[in-house]
Amino acid sequence: MRRARTRDSRGKARTGSRVVRRGRSETATRRTIDRRRGVAIKPRDASPAAIERTLDSQDWKSLVPLLPGSPASIDEVVSRLRGHCRALLAWNRSVSNLISKNDEARIVARHVSESLAPARWMAELGIDEWLDFGSGAGFPALPLGIAGIGKRWTLVESRRPKILFLRKLLSEIVIDAKMEVVGARLESVSSDSYQVGGFTARATKRLSTTLAIASAFVRSGGSAFLWKGSRWAEEIEGDRAWSSWWRLTERRGITDSLISVARFERI
């Protein structure tokens, strides 16, 4: 039988003999309790030292074969990529989640490496202007821009915390390419303002929907690079409306990942 809820003389809610405090203290408690297990959640350490330890544990050397450019320039690129990740982890642990907690310990392998997987491929195309759809925490646009892909990037993101992070980050790190953050859904952005040669999208809408939106922004002969999981073939064949605007030119798998990158050419 459930115990009746009563209030004591000071206005505190009681359940049986247990006093439940209302107001700010209760809200704070909710923030530190895992409701599924009923246990306290240990706050993540957002100190610079803790963040550096997380970064030190990553395999930064694995990025070198992915990067275009001379060996001398690659060292600088890796340093800038680390700066992006440093800022992301600091924000993730103290402001709001940009990536999952589990992904922090594999940010290089899960996010940076996957973003850079087609970098050499993209560099061969010589496209100067790119539009990135659903930029989130900056993947794949920022690693690609840092690596020297393109001269101008437009990052389209609709979620306010991620917009704020991207704008703050771009005011603090060095990227040779010009970067603009557009806070909106791409469907609501005027295609007259953004006509580009290249388009990227990682972990966004279904393939056919993404390509339908991209078709308004990419010039004839331009390219769209989409990152897709194990069901990529199902998406390609399930709805071929995309073939009215695009031709699939090639798909390349990413080593040790279920993710692959497909390039489509605008007809």
Foldseek 3Di string as FASTA:
>chain_A
DFADWDADPVGFIDGVPDTDHDDDVNVVQVVQADVVVRDGHDQDDLDLVSLVVLVVLEDLVVCVVLFDDDPVLVVVLSVLVSVLLNLQSNCCRPPHNLDDPVCSSVVCPPFLNVLSNCLVVQVVVVWAEEEEAACRSNPPPPSSQSSPRHQEYEYEHADVVNLVSVVVSVVPGDGNHHYHYDHDHLVPDDLVVAATQEYEYEPDDQPQVVLVSCLSRYDAFGKYKYKDFQCNVCSCPVDVPSVVFWDWDDKADDPPGRIIITMIGGD
